[in-house]
């Protein structure tokens, strides 16, 4: 019995560890379907936009679904995205406070 355990335990541990590592490896692989940004500045390592409040005017509407043809500005594309995916994303709206 002891000899059997000495053989089985290392095999079971190796199998469990291999399964864990393979699961972690494959779950960390990002598929194109899971990406948010499908087309905006793909040649850049990180997409960043910065705006000065003085340049915005009274109101600015920014895209958060990454599907807008006018990105970073919203063009309403999130409506179709939400219908197709069941998501609930909407735009970021920035307004100047009225005194």
N, C-alpha and C. Protein backbone atom coordinates (compact mmCIF):
# COMPACT_ATOMS: atom_id res chain seq x y z
N UNK A 1 0.82 -1.19 0.00
CA UNK A 1 0.00 0.00 0.00
C UNK A 1 0.87 1.26 0.00
N UNK A 2 1.89 1.29 0.83
CA UNK A 2 2.77 2.45 0.93
C UNK A 2 3.51 2.67 -0.40
N UNK A 3 3.94 1.60 -1.02
CA UNK A 3 4.64 1.72 -2.30
C UNK A 3 3.72 2.29 -3.37
N UNK A 4 2.47 1.91 -3.33
CA UNK A 4 1.49 2.44 -4.29
C UNK A 4 1.30 3.94 -4.10
N UNK A 5 1.19 4.38 -2.86
CA UNK A 5 1.04 5.81 -2.57
C UNK A 5 2.27 6.59 -3.01
N UNK A 6 3.44 6.03 -2.81
CA UNK A 6 4.67 6.71 -3.21
C UNK A 6 4.69 6.92 -4.72
N UNK A 7 4.07 6.05 -5.46
CA UNK A 7 4.00 6.17 -6.91
C UNK A 7 2.87 7.10 -7.35
N UNK A 8 1.70 6.97 -6.72
CA UNK A 8 0.51 7.71 -7.15
C UNK A 8 0.57 9.20 -6.78
N UNK A 9 1.03 9.54 -5.59
CA UNK A 9 1.02 10.93 -5.13
C UNK A 9 1.82 11.85 -6.05
N UNK A 10 3.07 11.53 -6.38
CA UNK A 10 3.80 12.44 -7.28
C UNK A 10 3.13 12.57 -8.66
N UNK A 11 2.57 11.50 -9.17
CA UNK A 11 1.88 11.55 -10.47
C UNK A 11 0.65 12.45 -10.37
N UNK A 12 -0.12 12.31 -9.30
CA UNK A 12 -1.32 13.14 -9.11
C UNK A 12 -0.94 14.61 -8.95
N UNK A 13 0.10 14.88 -8.20
CA UNK A 13 0.56 16.27 -8.01
C UNK A 13 1.04 16.85 -9.34
N UNK A 14 1.78 16.10 -10.09
CA UNK A 14 2.27 16.56 -11.40
C UNK A 14 1.10 16.82 -12.35
N UNK A 15 0.10 15.95 -12.36
CA UNK A 15 -1.07 16.13 -13.22
C UNK A 15 -1.85 17.37 -12.81
N UNK A 16 -2.04 17.58 -11.52
CA UNK A 16 -2.78 18.75 -11.03
C UNK A 16 -2.02 20.04 -11.37
N UNK A 17 -0.72 20.03 -11.16
CA UNK A 17 0.10 21.21 -11.46
C UNK A 17 0.09 21.51 -12.96
N UNK A 18 0.20 20.48 -13.77
CA UNK A 18 0.18 20.68 -15.23
C UNK A 18 -1.16 21.25 -15.68
N UNK A 19 -2.24 20.73 -15.15
CA UNK A 19 -3.57 21.22 -15.49
C UNK A 19 -3.72 22.68 -15.08
N UNK A 20 -3.27 23.02 -13.88
CA UNK A 20 -3.33 24.39 -13.40
C UNK A 20 -2.53 25.33 -14.30
N UNK A 21 -1.31 24.96 -14.63
CA UNK A 21 -0.46 25.82 -15.46
C UNK A 21 -1.02 25.98 -16.87
N UNK A 22 -1.52 24.91 -17.45
CA UNK A 22 -2.12 25.00 -18.78
C UNK A 22 -3.37 25.87 -18.77
N UNK A 23 -4.18 25.73 -17.74
CA UNK A 23 -5.38 26.56 -17.63
C UNK A 23 -5.01 28.04 -17.52
N UNK A 24 -4.02 28.35 -16.69
CA UNK A 24 -3.56 29.75 -16.55
C UNK A 24 -3.01 30.28 -17.86
N UNK A 25 -2.25 29.46 -18.57
CA UNK A 25 -1.66 29.89 -19.83
C UNK A 25 -2.73 30.20 -20.86
N UNK A 26 -3.67 29.30 -21.04
CA UNK A 26 -4.69 29.51 -22.07
C UNK A 26 -5.69 30.59 -21.69
N UNK A 27 -5.96 30.79 -20.43
CA UNK A 27 -6.89 31.85 -20.03
C UNK A 27 -6.24 33.22 -20.15
N UNK A 28 -4.92 33.29 -20.14
CA UNK A 28 -4.24 34.58 -20.26
C UNK A 28 -4.06 35.00 -21.71
N UNK A 29 -4.28 34.09 -22.63
CA UNK A 29 -4.17 34.42 -24.05
C UNK A 29 -5.38 35.25 -24.44
N UNK A 30 -5.16 36.46 -24.94
CA UNK A 30 -6.31 37.29 -25.30
C UNK A 30 -6.70 37.02 -26.75
N UNK A 31 -7.96 36.78 -26.93
CA UNK A 31 -8.45 36.55 -28.28
C UNK A 31 -8.94 37.87 -28.84
N UNK A 32 -8.89 38.04 -30.15
CA UNK A 32 -9.36 39.29 -30.75
C UNK A 32 -10.81 39.62 -30.39
N UNK A 33 -11.65 38.61 -30.16
CA UNK A 33 -13.04 38.86 -29.81
C UNK A 33 -13.18 39.52 -28.44
N UNK A 34 -12.24 39.30 -27.54
CA UNK A 34 -12.35 39.86 -26.20
C UNK A 34 -11.76 41.25 -26.09
N UNK A 35 -11.16 41.73 -27.13
CA UNK A 35 -10.56 43.07 -27.09
C UNK A 35 -11.63 44.14 -27.16
N UNK A 36 -11.36 45.24 -26.49
CA UNK A 36 -12.27 46.39 -26.52
C UNK A 36 -11.94 47.26 -27.73
N UNK A 37 -10.68 47.58 -27.89
CA UNK A 37 -10.24 48.45 -28.97
C UNK A 37 -10.01 47.63 -30.24
N UNK A 38 -10.88 47.80 -31.22
CA UNK A 38 -10.78 47.03 -32.45
C UNK A 38 -10.02 47.78 -33.55
N UNK A 39 -9.94 49.13 -33.46
CA UNK A 39 -9.35 49.85 -34.60
C UNK A 39 -8.65 51.17 -34.27
N UNK A 40 -8.73 51.67 -33.07
CA UNK A 40 -8.21 53.00 -32.76
C UNK A 40 -6.72 52.94 -32.43
N UNK A 41 -5.91 53.64 -33.21
CA UNK A 41 -4.47 53.78 -32.97
C UNK A 41 -3.79 52.45 -32.63
N UNK A 42 -4.03 51.44 -33.43
CA UNK A 42 -3.49 50.10 -33.15
C UNK A 42 -1.96 50.05 -33.19
N UNK A 43 -1.32 51.02 -33.82
CA UNK A 43 0.14 51.05 -33.88
C UNK A 43 0.76 51.63 -32.60
N UNK A 44 -0.06 52.15 -31.71
CA UNK A 44 0.41 52.75 -30.48
C UNK A 44 0.36 51.72 -29.34
N UNK A 45 1.36 51.69 -28.44
CA UNK A 45 1.32 50.72 -27.34
C UNK A 45 0.19 51.00 -26.34
N UNK A 46 -0.23 52.27 -26.24
CA UNK A 46 -1.33 52.64 -25.34
C UNK A 46 -2.04 53.85 -25.93
N UNK A 47 -3.36 53.80 -25.98
CA UNK A 47 -4.15 54.91 -26.52
C UNK A 47 -4.50 55.84 -25.36
N UNK A 48 -4.04 57.08 -25.44
CA UNK A 48 -4.30 58.07 -24.41
C UNK A 48 -4.70 59.37 -25.09
N UNK A 49 -5.75 60.00 -24.58
CA UNK A 49 -6.17 61.31 -25.06
C UNK A 49 -6.25 62.24 -23.86
N UNK A 50 -5.85 63.48 -24.06
CA UNK A 50 -5.89 64.47 -23.00
C UNK A 50 -6.54 65.73 -23.54
N UNK A 51 -7.42 66.34 -22.74
CA UNK A 51 -8.13 67.54 -23.16
C UNK A 51 -8.04 68.58 -22.07
N UNK A 52 -7.92 69.83 -22.46
CA UNK A 52 -7.98 70.93 -21.51
C UNK A 52 -9.44 71.37 -21.38
N UNK A 53 -9.89 71.62 -20.17
CA UNK A 53 -11.27 72.02 -19.94
C UNK A 53 -11.64 73.27 -20.73
N UNK A 54 -10.68 74.17 -20.88
CA UNK A 54 -10.95 75.40 -21.62
C UNK A 54 -11.26 75.14 -23.09
N UNK A 55 -10.75 74.04 -23.63
CA UNK A 55 -10.95 73.73 -25.04
C UNK A 55 -12.23 72.95 -25.31
N UNK A 56 -12.90 72.48 -24.27
CA UNK A 56 -14.07 71.63 -24.45
C UNK A 56 -15.31 72.42 -24.89
N UNK A 57 -15.46 73.64 -24.45
CA UNK A 57 -16.69 74.36 -24.72
C UNK A 57 -17.66 74.10 -23.59
N UNK A 58 -18.97 74.12 -23.89
CA UNK A 58 -19.97 73.90 -22.85
C UNK A 58 -20.22 72.43 -22.55
N UNK A 59 -19.99 71.56 -23.55
CA UNK A 59 -20.29 70.14 -23.36
C UNK A 59 -19.45 69.31 -24.33
N UNK A 60 -19.00 68.16 -23.86
CA UNK A 60 -18.28 67.21 -24.71
C UNK A 60 -18.79 65.81 -24.39
N UNK A 61 -18.93 64.98 -25.43
CA UNK A 61 -19.44 63.61 -25.26
C UNK A 61 -18.38 62.67 -25.82
N UNK A 62 -17.83 61.82 -24.95
CA UNK A 62 -16.72 60.94 -25.32
C UNK A 62 -17.17 59.48 -25.36
N UNK A 63 -16.60 58.75 -26.30
CA UNK A 63 -16.91 57.33 -26.50
C UNK A 63 -16.28 56.49 -25.41
N UNK A 64 -17.03 55.49 -24.92
CA UNK A 64 -16.48 54.51 -23.98
C UNK A 64 -16.60 53.09 -24.49
N UNK A 65 -17.21 52.90 -25.67
CA UNK A 65 -17.34 51.54 -26.20
C UNK A 65 -16.25 51.22 -27.22
N UNK A 66 -15.46 52.19 -27.61
CA UNK A 66 -14.36 52.05 -28.56
C UNK A 66 -14.83 51.74 -29.99
N UNK A 67 -16.09 51.89 -30.29
CA UNK A 67 -16.60 51.56 -31.63
C UNK A 67 -16.90 52.79 -32.47
N UNK A 68 -16.82 53.99 -31.87
CA UNK A 68 -17.17 55.22 -32.57
C UNK A 68 -16.25 55.48 -33.76
N UNK A 69 -16.83 55.89 -34.87
CA UNK A 69 -16.04 56.28 -36.05
C UNK A 69 -15.39 57.64 -35.83
N UNK A 70 -15.83 58.38 -34.82
CA UNK A 70 -15.27 59.70 -34.51
C UNK A 70 -14.44 59.65 -33.23
N UNK A 71 -13.98 58.47 -32.82
CA UNK A 71 -13.26 58.30 -31.56
C UNK A 71 -12.16 59.35 -31.42
N UNK A 72 -12.02 59.98 -30.28
CA UNK A 72 -12.56 59.68 -28.96
C UNK A 72 -13.95 60.24 -28.69
N UNK A 73 -14.56 60.89 -29.68
CA UNK A 73 -15.89 61.43 -29.49
C UNK A 73 -16.95 60.37 -29.79
N UNK A 74 -18.07 60.46 -29.08
CA UNK A 74 -19.16 59.50 -29.25
C UNK A 74 -19.97 59.84 -30.50
N UNK A 75 -20.33 58.80 -31.26
CA UNK A 75 -21.23 59.00 -32.41
C UNK A 75 -22.50 58.15 -32.26
N UNK A 76 -22.72 57.59 -31.06
CA UNK A 76 -23.92 56.80 -30.80
C UNK A 76 -23.79 55.33 -31.13
N UNK A 77 -22.63 54.88 -31.56
CA UNK A 77 -22.42 53.49 -31.93
C UNK A 77 -22.65 52.54 -30.77
N UNK A 78 -22.54 53.02 -29.53
CA UNK A 78 -22.74 52.16 -28.37
C UNK A 78 -24.15 51.56 -28.35
N UNK A 79 -25.12 52.22 -28.96
CA UNK A 79 -26.48 51.69 -28.99
C UNK A 79 -26.51 50.34 -29.71
N UNK A 80 -25.89 50.28 -30.88
CA UNK A 80 -25.84 49.02 -31.64
C UNK A 80 -25.00 47.98 -30.89
N UNK A 81 -23.86 48.42 -30.34
CA UNK A 81 -23.00 47.53 -29.56
C UNK A 81 -23.79 46.90 -28.41
N UNK A 82 -24.55 47.71 -27.68
CA UNK A 82 -25.33 47.20 -26.55
C UNK A 82 -26.39 46.20 -26.99
N UNK A 83 -27.06 46.47 -28.11
CA UNK A 83 -28.07 45.56 -28.63
C UNK A 83 -27.45 44.21 -29.02
N UNK A 84 -26.28 44.24 -29.64
CA UNK A 84 -25.62 43.02 -30.11
C UNK A 84 -25.02 42.20 -28.98
N UNK A 85 -24.53 42.86 -27.94
CA UNK A 85 -23.78 42.16 -26.89
C UNK A 85 -24.51 42.05 -25.56
N UNK A 86 -25.57 42.81 -25.38
CA UNK A 86 -26.24 42.84 -24.08
C UNK A 86 -25.52 43.71 -23.08
N UNK A 87 -24.55 44.47 -23.55
CA UNK A 87 -23.78 45.38 -22.68
C UNK A 87 -24.64 46.59 -22.35
N UNK A 88 -24.18 47.46 -21.48
CA UNK A 88 -24.93 48.66 -21.12
C UNK A 88 -24.05 49.91 -21.13
N UNK A 89 -23.01 49.90 -21.94
CA UNK A 89 -22.07 51.01 -21.97
C UNK A 89 -22.71 52.24 -22.63
N UNK A 90 -22.35 53.39 -22.13
CA UNK A 90 -22.81 54.65 -22.70
C UNK A 90 -21.64 55.62 -22.75
N UNK A 91 -21.88 56.83 -23.23
CA UNK A 91 -20.80 57.80 -23.36
C UNK A 91 -20.43 58.46 -22.04
N UNK A 92 -19.28 59.10 -22.04
CA UNK A 92 -18.88 59.98 -20.95
C UNK A 92 -19.26 61.39 -21.38
N UNK A 93 -20.10 62.05 -20.59
CA UNK A 93 -20.54 63.40 -20.92
C UNK A 93 -19.94 64.35 -19.91
N UNK A 94 -19.24 65.37 -20.42
CA UNK A 94 -18.63 66.38 -19.55
C UNK A 94 -19.28 67.72 -19.89
N UNK A 95 -19.82 68.37 -18.87
CA UNK A 95 -20.48 69.66 -19.07
C UNK A 95 -19.83 70.69 -18.15
N UNK A 96 -19.82 71.93 -18.62
CA UNK A 96 -19.38 73.02 -17.75
C UNK A 96 -20.54 73.36 -16.82
N UNK A 97 -20.21 73.59 -15.58
CA UNK A 97 -21.22 73.97 -14.60
C UNK A 97 -21.69 75.39 -14.91
N UNK A 98 -22.99 75.57 -14.88
CA UNK A 98 -23.51 76.93 -15.09
C UNK A 98 -23.51 77.65 -13.75
N UNK A 99 -23.04 78.89 -13.75
CA UNK A 99 -22.94 79.63 -12.47
C UNK A 99 -24.27 79.95 -11.85
